[in-house]
Amino acid sequence: MALPHLKAATAEPLRGEERTQGLTPAKLSRPTTLQRYENGRFQFHGDSIAVESDLRLMIAGQQEAILSRTPGDDLNLVAGHLFSCSRIREAGDLANISFNYRGVARVDVELAGCSGIRRIYPSPRPVRVAPEMLLEFKERFERRQNLYKNTGSTHAAALFAEDGELISFGEDVGRHNAFDKAVGRALLEGSLDRVVIAILSSRLALELTVKAAVANIPILCGFSAATSSGIGYAEENNITLVGRLKSSSFNVYAHGWRLQSG
């Protein structure tokens, strides 16, 4: 859905580290000098560290949350965060949004009159995919992790359509933020209903499994293992949960019937 008022709200020139909206991953890291212990001795070593800073989220003048995030992609982050918290159900619920990067970064959001906290989680769709697709998606996922390659300290999330198209990708120091950025982008571009697979670089804990349910994503995969609460929630809510996703193998924790060869 086109939202010209949201795009206009971000048109104000940004300052300092906030000049990262839509720029290259190198702008989201800073050089540093550290000590590395190797082969029995310390040596000084140049490295890159990921930038992390706070974004104060305000709704109707009241503080909703403080998001400690990788700056950049803030519009997608806010949209995805509000969606995953069930404060909005569609892009049109965002009546107005404006960013202020003077001092502590702040975003002010006005919601449409009909919006509010809702706990309606649609039932994930009965899609079927070949197991080999997940292995291919992992390889494509890792090629997109530019900030992680530069810093070694970020998480990422990728959303795929049934035909294999990469719908959106998010990268952030926080695994929840990365998922929210990916979901927010798909929501604002009107393509969230095409997403059938989400891949995360993190473990599959309860809160991330809930995010998948809210977004009506039937297959959730992670590079790490699932937790007991994440598995229980996936079983109860008809979500295919896949962990330990590697180049040639993965574990299925719940609803493996969606993964079928041939």
C-alpha atoms as a PDB file:
ATOM      1  CA  MET A   1       0.000   0.000   0.000  1.00  0.00           C
ATOM      2  CA  ALA A   2       1.446   3.374  -0.963  1.00  0.00           C
ATOM      3  CA  LEU A   3       1.846   5.630   2.044  1.00  0.00           C
ATOM      4  CA  PRO A   4       3.168   8.980   0.780  1.00  0.00           C
ATOM      5  CA  HIS A   5       2.586  10.715   4.136  1.00  0.00           C
ATOM      6  CA  LEU A   6       4.980   8.245   5.812  1.00  0.00           C
ATOM      7  CA  LYS A   7       7.661   8.812   3.210  1.00  0.00           C
ATOM      8  CA  ALA A   8       7.316  12.556   3.542  1.00  0.00           C
ATOM      9  CA  ALA A   9       7.697  12.325   7.298  1.00  0.00           C
ATOM     10  CA  THR A  10      11.257  11.018   6.927  1.00  0.00           C
ATOM     11  CA  ALA A  11      12.344  13.665   4.431  1.00  0.00           C
ATOM     12  CA  GLU A  12      13.996  15.939   7.038  1.00  0.00           C
ATOM     13  CA  PRO A  13      17.816  15.859   6.732  1.00  0.00           C
ATOM     14  CA  LEU A  14      19.369  13.478   9.235  1.00  0.00           C
ATOM     15  CA  ARG A  15      22.382  14.156  11.436  1.00  0.00           C
ATOM     16  CA  GLY A  16      25.321  12.157  12.736  1.00  0.00           C
ATOM     17  CA  GLU A  17      24.904   8.402  12.976  1.00  0.00           C
ATOM     18  CA  GLU A  18      21.279   8.680  11.845  1.00  0.00           C
ATOM     19  CA  ARG A  19      22.456   9.275   8.252  1.00  0.00           C
ATOM     20  CA  THR A  20      22.003   5.558   7.749  1.00  0.00           C
ATOM     21  CA  GLN A  21      18.502   5.193   6.372  1.00  0.00           C
ATOM     22  CA  GLY A  22      18.963   3.133   3.219  1.00  0.00           C
ATOM     23  CA  LEU A  23      22.746   3.482   3.083  1.00  0.00           C
ATOM     24  CA  THR A  24      25.408   0.790   2.842  1.00  0.00           C
ATOM     25  CA  PRO A  25      26.122  -1.552   5.779  1.00  0.00           C
ATOM     26  CA  ALA A  26      29.597  -0.018   6.181  1.00  0.00           C
ATOM     27  CA  LYS A  27      27.879   3.140   7.479  1.00  0.00           C
ATOM     28  CA  LEU A  28      26.264   1.083  10.242  1.00  0.00           C
ATOM     29  CA  SER A  29      29.588   0.125  11.824  1.00  0.00           C
ATOM     30  CA  ARG A  30      32.518   1.961  13.363  1.00  0.00           C
ATOM     31  CA  PRO A  31      36.222   1.156  13.340  1.00  0.00           C
ATOM     32  CA  THR A  32      37.878   0.327  16.637  1.00  0.00           C
ATOM     33  CA  THR A  33      41.167  -0.926  18.010  1.00  0.00           C
ATOM     34  CA  LEU A  34      41.078  -3.856  20.399  1.00  0.00           C
ATOM     35  CA  GLN A  35      43.375  -6.356  22.024  1.00  0.00           C
ATOM     36  CA  ARG A  36      43.301  -9.896  20.696  1.00  0.00           C
ATOM     37  CA  TYR A  37      44.741 -12.844  22.605  1.00  0.00           C
ATOM     38  CA  GLU A  38      46.151 -15.417  20.225  1.00  0.00           C
ATOM     39  CA  ASN A  39      48.997 -17.918  20.336  1.00  0.00           C
ATOM     40  CA  GLY A  40      49.824 -17.048  23.916  1.00  0.00           C
ATOM     41  CA  ARG A  41      50.132 -13.286  23.490  1.00  0.00           C
ATOM     42  CA  PHE A  42      48.109 -10.083  23.235  1.00  0.00           C
ATOM     43  CA  GLN A  43      48.227  -7.956  20.105  1.00  0.00           C
ATOM     44  CA  PHE A  44      46.458  -4.774  19.090  1.00  0.00           C
ATOM     45  CA  HIS A  45      44.063  -5.387  16.234  1.00  0.00           C
ATOM     46  CA  GLY A  46      41.808  -3.208  14.081  1.00  0.00           C
ATOM     47  CA  ASP A  47      38.153  -4.242  13.882  1.00  0.00           C
ATOM     48  CA  SER A  48      34.638  -2.997  13.151  1.00  0.00           C
ATOM     49  CA  ILE A  49      31.804  -2.746  15.688  1.00  0.00           C
ATOM     50  CA  ALA A  50      28.089  -2.460  14.975  1.00  0.00           C
ATOM     51  CA  VAL A  51      26.426   0.836  15.815  1.00  0.00           C
ATOM     52  CA  GLU A  52      23.670   0.546  18.446  1.00  0.00           C
ATOM     53  CA  SER A  53      21.516   3.452  19.618  1.00  0.00           C
ATOM     54  CA  ASP A  54      18.084   4.098  21.105  1.00  0.00           C
ATOM     55  CA  LEU A  55      14.921   5.099  19.284  1.00  0.00           C
ATOM     56  CA  ARG A  56      12.153   6.437  21.514  1.00  0.00           C
ATOM     57  CA  LEU A  57       8.745   5.324  20.221  1.00  0.00           C
ATOM     58  CA  MET A  58       5.870   7.644  21.115  1.00  0.00           C
ATOM     59  CA  ILE A  59       2.182   7.030  20.424  1.00  0.00           C
ATOM     60  CA  ALA A  60      -0.232   9.932  20.880  1.00  0.00           C
ATOM     61  CA  GLY A  61       2.410  11.726  22.936  1.00  0.00           C
ATOM     62  CA  GLN A  62       2.983   8.799  25.318  1.00  0.00           C
ATOM     63  CA  GLN A  63       6.142   6.728  25.381  1.00  0.00           C
ATOM     64  CA  GLU A  64       5.391   3.240  24.067  1.00  0.00           C
ATOM     65  CA  ALA A  65       8.890   1.752  24.040  1.00  0.00           C
ATOM     66  CA  ILE A  66      12.585   2.463  23.704  1.00  0.00           C
ATOM     67  CA  LEU A  67      14.019   0.400  20.863  1.00  0.00           C
ATOM     68  CA  SER A  68      17.757  -0.245  21.118  1.00  0.00           C
ATOM     69  CA  ARG A  69      18.522  -0.854  17.477  1.00  0.00           C
ATOM     70  CA  THR A  70      20.895  -0.565  14.556  1.00  0.00           C
ATOM     71  CA  PRO A  71      19.964   2.855  13.129  1.00  0.00           C
ATOM     72  CA  GLY A  72      18.576   2.892   9.628  1.00  0.00           C
ATOM     73  CA  ASP A  73      15.438   1.148   8.418  1.00  0.00           C
ATOM     74  CA  ASP A  74      13.614   2.928  11.235  1.00  0.00           C
ATOM     75  CA  LEU A  75      10.324   3.245   9.361  1.00  0.00           C
ATOM     76  CA  ASN A  76      10.218  -0.497   8.729  1.00  0.00           C
ATOM     77  CA  LEU A  77      11.276  -1.209  12.318  1.00  0.00           C
ATOM     78  CA  VAL A  78       8.477   0.901  13.796  1.00  0.00           C
ATOM     79  CA  ALA A  79       5.837  -0.534  11.464  1.00  0.00           C
ATOM     80  CA  GLY A  80       6.967  -4.093  12.166  1.00  0.00           C
ATOM     81  CA  HIS A  81       7.177  -3.536  15.912  1.00  0.00           C
ATOM     82  CA  LEU A  82       3.666  -2.107  16.120  1.00  0.00           C
ATOM     83  CA  PHE A  83       2.345  -4.889  13.914  1.00  0.00           C
ATOM     84  CA  SER A  84       3.982  -7.668  15.922  1.00  0.00           C
ATOM     85  CA  CYS A  85       2.635  -6.123  19.139  1.00  0.00           C
ATOM     86  CA  SER A  86      -0.835  -6.143  17.528  1.00  0.00           C
ATOM     87  CA  ARG A  87      -1.147  -2.369  17.793  1.00  0.00           C
ATOM     88  CA  ILE A  88      -1.835  -2.233  14.061  1.00  0.00           C
ATOM     89  CA  ARG A  89      -3.160  -4.826  11.605  1.00  0.00           C
ATOM     90  CA  GLU A  90      -2.401  -3.063   8.312  1.00  0.00           C
ATOM     91  CA  ALA A  91      -0.336  -0.188   6.993  1.00  0.00           C
ATOM     92  CA  GLY A  92      -3.418   2.032   6.853  1.00  0.00           C
ATOM     93  CA  ASP A  93      -3.619   1.969  10.662  1.00  0.00           C
ATOM     94  CA  LEU A  94      -0.610   4.321  10.680  1.00  0.00           C
ATOM     95  CA  ALA A  95      -2.296   7.689  10.333  1.00  0.00           C
ATOM     96  CA  ASN A  96       0.940   9.658  10.637  1.00  0.00           C
ATOM     97  CA  ILE A  97       4.549   9.021  11.613  1.00  0.00           C
ATOM     98  CA  SER A  98       7.419  11.476  11.991  1.00  0.00           C
ATOM     99  CA  PHE A  99      11.055  11.111  13.038  1.00  0.00           C
ATOM    100  CA  ASN A 100      13.190  13.577  15.002  1.00  0.00           C
ATOM    101  CA  TYR A 101      16.912  12.807  15.156  1.00  0.00           C
ATOM    102  CA  ARG A 102      18.005  15.850  17.169  1.00  0.00           C
ATOM    103  CA  GLY A 103      19.461  14.531  20.421  1.00  0.00           C
ATOM    104  CA  VAL A 104      17.897  11.203  21.365  1.00  0.00           C
ATOM    105  CA  ALA A 105      16.223   9.776  18.263  1.00  0.00           C
ATOM    106  CA  ARG A 106      12.441   9.866  18.540  1.00  0.00           C
ATOM    107  CA  VAL A 107       9.517   8.766  16.424  1.00  0.00           C
ATOM    108  CA  ASP A 108       5.982  10.085  16.963  1.00  0.00           C
ATOM    109  CA  VAL A 109       3.139   7.911  15.708  1.00  0.00           C
ATOM    110  CA  GLU A 110      -0.543   8.650  15.309  1.00  0.00           C
ATOM    111  CA  LEU A 111      -2.766   5.618  14.853  1.00  0.00           C
ATOM    112  CA  ALA A 112      -6.031   5.574  12.932  1.00  0.00           C
ATOM    113  CA  GLY A 113      -9.114   5.752  15.116  1.00  0.00           C
ATOM    114  CA  CYS A 114     -10.036   2.099  14.622  1.00  0.00           C
ATOM    115  CA  SER A 115      -6.627   0.747  15.635  1.00  0.00           C
ATOM    116  CA  GLY A 116      -5.628  -0.505  19.059  1.00  0.00           C
ATOM    117  CA  ILE A 117      -4.302  -3.509  20.867  1.00  0.00           C
ATOM    118  CA  ARG A 118      -5.704  -6.671  19.279  1.00  0.00           C
ATOM    119  CA  ARG A 119      -4.809 -10.294  19.828  1.00  0.00           C
ATOM    120  CA  ILE A 120      -6.163 -11.876  16.657  1.00  0.00           C
ATOM    121  CA  TYR A 121      -3.734 -14.385  15.199  1.00  0.00           C
ATOM    122  CA  PRO A 122      -4.831 -15.863  11.852  1.00  0.00           C
ATOM    123  CA  SER A 123      -4.353 -19.587  11.291  1.00  0.00           C
ATOM    124  CA  PRO A 124      -1.230 -20.201   9.182  1.00  0.00           C
ATOM    125  CA  ARG A 125      -1.914 -21.389   5.641  1.00  0.00           C
ATOM    126  CA  PRO A 126      -1.574 -25.074   4.588  1.00  0.00           C
ATOM    127  CA  VAL A 127       1.327 -24.418   2.202  1.00  0.00           C
ATOM    128  CA  ARG A 128       3.763 -27.178   1.146  1.00  0.00           C
ATOM    129  CA  VAL A 129       7.433 -26.633   0.267  1.00  0.00           C
ATOM    130  CA  ALA A 130      10.306 -28.924  -0.649  1.00  0.00           C
ATOM    131  CA  PRO A 131      12.863 -29.383   2.133  1.00  0.00           C
ATOM    132  CA  GLU A 132      15.637 -28.531  -0.318  1.00  0.00           C
ATOM    133  CA  MET A 133      14.213 -25.026  -0.649  1.00  0.00           C
ATOM    134  CA  LEU A 134      15.114 -24.260   2.963  1.00  0.00           C
ATOM    135  CA  LEU A 135      18.746 -25.179   2.317  1.00  0.00           C
ATOM    136  CA  GLU A 136      18.816 -22.916  -0.740  1.00  0.00           C
ATOM    137  CA  PHE A 137      17.183 -20.064   1.197  1.00  0.00           C
ATOM    138  CA  LYS A 138      19.815 -20.363   3.932  1.00  0.00           C
ATOM    139  CA  GLU A 139      22.585 -19.889   1.386  1.00  0.00           C
ATOM    140  CA  ARG A 140      20.867 -16.841  -0.097  1.00  0.00           C
ATOM    141  CA  PHE A 141      20.231 -15.526   3.419  1.00  0.00           C
ATOM    142  CA  GLU A 142      23.895 -15.691   4.383  1.00  0.00           C
ATOM    143  CA  ARG A 143      24.936 -13.828   1.251  1.00  0.00           C
ATOM    144  CA  ARG A 144      22.788 -10.895   2.398  1.00  0.00           C
ATOM    145  CA  GLN A 145      24.308 -10.632   5.900  1.00  0.00           C
ATOM    146  CA  ASN A 146      26.716  -7.825   5.021  1.00  0.00           C
ATOM    147  CA  LEU A 147      26.647  -6.116   8.412  1.00  0.00           C
ATOM    148  CA  TYR A 148      27.272  -9.410  10.189  1.00  0.00           C
ATOM    149  CA  LYS A 149      30.242 -10.112   7.916  1.00  0.00           C
ATOM    150  CA  ASN A 150      31.637  -6.706   8.822  1.00  0.00           C
ATOM    151  CA  THR A 151      31.034  -6.817  12.593  1.00  0.00           C
ATOM    152  CA  GLY A 152      30.094 -10.352  13.685  1.00  0.00           C
ATOM    153  CA  SER A 153      27.484  -8.944  16.077  1.00  0.00           C
ATOM    154  CA  THR A 154      24.143  -8.660  14.287  1.00  0.00           C
ATOM    155  CA  HIS A 155      21.093 -10.808  13.628  1.00  0.00           C
ATOM    156  CA  ALA A 156      19.054 -11.002  10.446  1.00  0.00           C
ATOM    157  CA  ALA A 157      15.633 -12.095   9.205  1.00  0.00           C
ATOM    158  CA  ALA A 158      14.467 -12.938   5.696  1.00  0.00           C
ATOM    159  CA  LEU A 159      10.936 -13.458   4.396  1.00  0.00           C
ATOM    160  CA  PHE A 160      10.302 -15.630   1.332  1.00  0.00           C
ATOM    161  CA  ALA A 161       7.295 -16.231  -0.904  1.00  0.00           C
ATOM    162  CA  GLU A 162       6.192 -19.721  -1.943  1.00  0.00           C
ATOM    163  CA  ASP A 163       7.828 -19.312  -5.355  1.00  0.00           C
ATOM    164  CA  GLY A 164      11.181 -18.543  -3.708  1.00  0.00           C
ATOM    165  CA  GLU A 165      11.129 -14.763  -4.116  1.00  0.00           C
ATOM    166  CA  LEU A 166      12.887 -12.891  -1.313  1.00  0.00           C
ATOM    167  CA  ILE A 167      10.188 -10.494  -0.112  1.00  0.00           C
ATOM    168  CA  SER A 168      12.192  -8.601   2.500  1.00  0.00           C
ATOM    169  CA  PHE A 169      15.324  -8.727   4.627  1.00  0.00           C
ATOM    170  CA  GLY A 170      16.220  -7.052   7.916  1.00  0.00           C
ATOM    171  CA  GLU A 171      19.482  -6.847   9.843  1.00  0.00           C
ATOM    172  CA  ASP A 172      19.973  -5.441  13.330  1.00  0.00           C
ATOM    173  CA  VAL A 173      21.886  -5.885  16.578  1.00  0.00           C
ATOM    174  CA  GLY A 174      18.627  -7.245  18.054  1.00  0.00           C
ATOM    175  CA  ARG A 175      17.025 -10.431  16.745  1.00  0.00           C
ATOM    176  CA  HIS A 176      13.520  -9.082  17.479  1.00  0.00           C
ATOM    177  CA  ASN A 177      14.340  -5.863  15.626  1.00  0.00           C
ATOM    178  CA  ALA A 178      15.651  -7.762  12.611  1.00  0.00           C
ATOM    179  CA  PHE A 179      12.378  -9.701  12.361  1.00  0.00           C
ATOM    180  CA  ASP A 180      10.339  -6.524  12.855  1.00  0.00           C
ATOM    181  CA  LYS A 181      12.292  -4.716  10.122  1.00  0.00           C
ATOM    182  CA  ALA A 182      11.622  -7.515   7.649  1.00  0.00           C
ATOM    183  CA  VAL A 183       7.930  -7.736   8.561  1.00  0.00           C
ATOM    184  CA  GLY A 184       7.549  -3.953   8.542  1.00  0.00           C
ATOM    185  CA  ARG A 185       8.997  -3.620   5.056  1.00  0.00           C
ATOM    186  CA  ALA A 186       6.695  -6.342   3.708  1.00  0.00           C
ATOM    187  CA  LEU A 187       3.710  -4.740   5.451  1.00  0.00           C
ATOM    188  CA  LEU A 188       4.376  -1.252   4.052  1.00  0.00           C
ATOM    189  CA  GLU A 189       5.015  -2.629   0.556  1.00  0.00           C
ATOM    190  CA  GLY A 190       1.790  -4.634   0.625  1.00  0.00           C
ATOM    191  CA  SER A 191       3.504  -8.000   0.221  1.00  0.00           C
ATOM    192  CA  LEU A 192       3.193  -9.535   3.688  1.00  0.00           C
ATOM    193  CA  ASP A 193       0.341 -11.814   2.606  1.00  0.00           C
ATOM    194  CA  ARG A 194       2.725 -13.488   0.116  1.00  0.00           C
ATOM    195  CA  VAL A 195       5.194 -14.548   2.799  1.00  0.00           C
ATOM    196  CA  VAL A 196       5.176 -18.256   3.677  1.00  0.00           C
ATOM    197  CA  ILE A 197       8.679 -18.749   5.129  1.00  0.00           C
ATOM    198  CA  ALA A 198      10.657 -16.709   7.633  1.00  0.00           C
ATOM    199  CA  ILE A 199      14.302 -17.500   8.325  1.00  0.00           C
ATOM    200  CA  LEU A 200      16.060 -16.076  11.390  1.00  0.00           C
ATOM    201  CA  SER A 201      19.707 -16.145  12.366  1.00  0.00           C
ATOM    202  CA  SER A 202      18.736 -16.724  15.993  1.00  0.00           C
ATOM    203  CA  ARG A 203      17.216 -19.371  18.218  1.00  0.00           C
ATOM    204  CA  LEU A 204      13.469 -19.969  17.993  1.00  0.00           C
ATOM    205  CA  ALA A 205      12.175 -18.652  21.285  1.00  0.00           C
ATOM    206  CA  LEU A 206       8.535 -18.018  22.210  1.00  0.00           C
ATOM    207  CA  GLU A 207       8.388 -14.309  21.338  1.00  0.00           C
ATOM    208  CA  LEU A 208       9.758 -14.858  17.841  1.00  0.00           C
ATOM    209  CA  THR A 209       7.317 -17.709  17.239  1.00  0.00           C
ATOM    210  CA  VAL A 210       4.475 -15.420  18.300  1.00  0.00           C
ATOM    211  CA  LYS A 211       5.690 -12.797  15.808  1.00  0.00           C
ATOM    212  CA  ALA A 212       5.424 -15.395  13.043  1.00  0.00           C
ATOM    213  CA  ALA A 213       1.873 -16.237  14.111  1.00  0.00           C
ATOM    214  CA  VAL A 214       0.822 -12.585  14.166  1.00  0.00           C
ATOM    215  CA  ALA A 215       2.202 -12.166  10.626  1.00  0.00           C
ATOM    216  CA  ASN A 216       0.427 -15.366   9.487  1.00  0.00           C
ATOM    217  CA  ILE A 217       3.723 -16.976   8.443  1.00  0.00           C
ATOM    218  CA  PRO A 218       3.279 -20.766   8.409  1.00  0.00           C
ATOM    219  CA  ILE A 219       6.968 -21.843   8.334  1.00  0.00           C
ATOM    220  CA  LEU A 220       9.533 -20.421  10.737  1.00  0.00           C
ATOM    221  CA  CYS A 221      13.194 -21.433  10.530  1.00  0.00           C
ATOM    222  CA  GLY A 222      16.203 -20.560  12.638  1.00  0.00           C
ATOM    223  CA  PHE A 223      19.938 -21.130  12.541  1.00  0.00           C
ATOM    224  CA  SER A 224      19.866 -22.173  16.209  1.00  0.00           C
ATOM    225  CA  ALA A 225      17.616 -24.550  18.112  1.00  0.00           C
ATOM    226  CA  ALA A 226      14.092 -23.973  19.389  1.00  0.00           C
ATOM    227  CA  THR A 227      13.100 -23.522  23.036  1.00  0.00           C
ATOM    228  CA  SER A 228      10.423 -25.551  24.818  1.00  0.00           C
ATOM    229  CA  SER A 229       8.008 -22.607  24.857  1.00  0.00           C
ATOM    230  CA  GLY A 230       8.615 -21.876  21.186  1.00  0.00           C
ATOM    231  CA  ILE A 231       7.930 -25.494  20.280  1.00  0.00           C
ATOM    232  CA  GLY A 232       4.797 -25.642  22.410  1.00  0.00           C
ATOM    233  CA  TYR A 233       3.403 -22.476  20.869  1.00  0.00           C
ATOM    234  CA  ALA A 234       4.187 -23.695  17.331  1.00  0.00           C
ATOM    235  CA  GLU A 235       2.450 -27.012  17.982  1.00  0.00           C
ATOM    236  CA  GLU A 236      -0.668 -25.292  19.317  1.00  0.00           C
ATOM    237  CA  ASN A 237      -0.826 -22.710  16.523  1.00  0.00           C
ATOM    238  CA  ASN A 238      -0.098 -24.871  13.474  1.00  0.00           C
ATOM    239  CA  ILE A 239       3.334 -23.406  12.709  1.00  0.00           C
ATOM    240  CA  THR A 240       6.055 -25.486  11.090  1.00  0.00           C
ATOM    241  CA  LEU A 241       9.134 -24.909  13.253  1.00  0.00           C
ATOM    242  CA  VAL A 242      12.571 -25.695  11.847  1.00  0.00           C
ATOM    243  CA  GLY A 243      15.834 -25.187  13.743  1.00  0.00           C
ATOM    244  CA  ARG A 244      19.534 -25.921  13.468  1.00  0.00           C
ATOM    245  CA  LEU A 245      19.276 -24.925   9.803  1.00  0.00           C
ATOM    246  CA  LYS A 246      22.621 -25.755   8.204  1.00  0.00           C
ATOM    247  CA  SER A 247      23.929 -26.131   4.672  1.00  0.00           C
ATOM    248  CA  SER A 248      22.747 -29.752   4.343  1.00  0.00           C
ATOM    249  CA  SER A 249      20.503 -30.506   7.331  1.00  0.00           C
ATOM    250  CA  PHE A 250      17.925 -29.140   9.773  1.00  0.00           C
ATOM    251  CA  ASN A 251      15.714 -30.250  12.656  1.00  0.00           C
ATOM    252  CA  VAL A 252      11.909 -30.159  12.555  1.00  0.00           C
ATOM    253  CA  TYR A 253      10.219 -29.452  15.885  1.00  0.00           C
ATOM    254  CA  ALA A 254       6.580 -29.027  14.894  1.00  0.00           C
ATOM    255  CA  HIS A 255       4.218 -29.608  11.947  1.00  0.00           C
ATOM    256  CA  GLY A 256       6.703 -31.147   9.538  1.00  0.00           C
ATOM    257  CA  TRP A 257       3.871 -32.098   7.170  1.00  0.00           C
ATOM    258  CA  ARG A 258       4.434 -28.854   5.256  1.00  0.00           C
ATOM    259  CA  LEU A 259       7.867 -30.063   4.132  1.00  0.00           C
ATOM    260  CA  GLN A 260       7.422 -32.531   1.292  1.00  0.00           C
ATOM    261  CA  SER A 261       9.785 -33.541  -1.503  1.00  0.00           C
ATOM    262  CA  GLY A 262       8.522 -34.023  -5.031  1.00  0.00           C
END
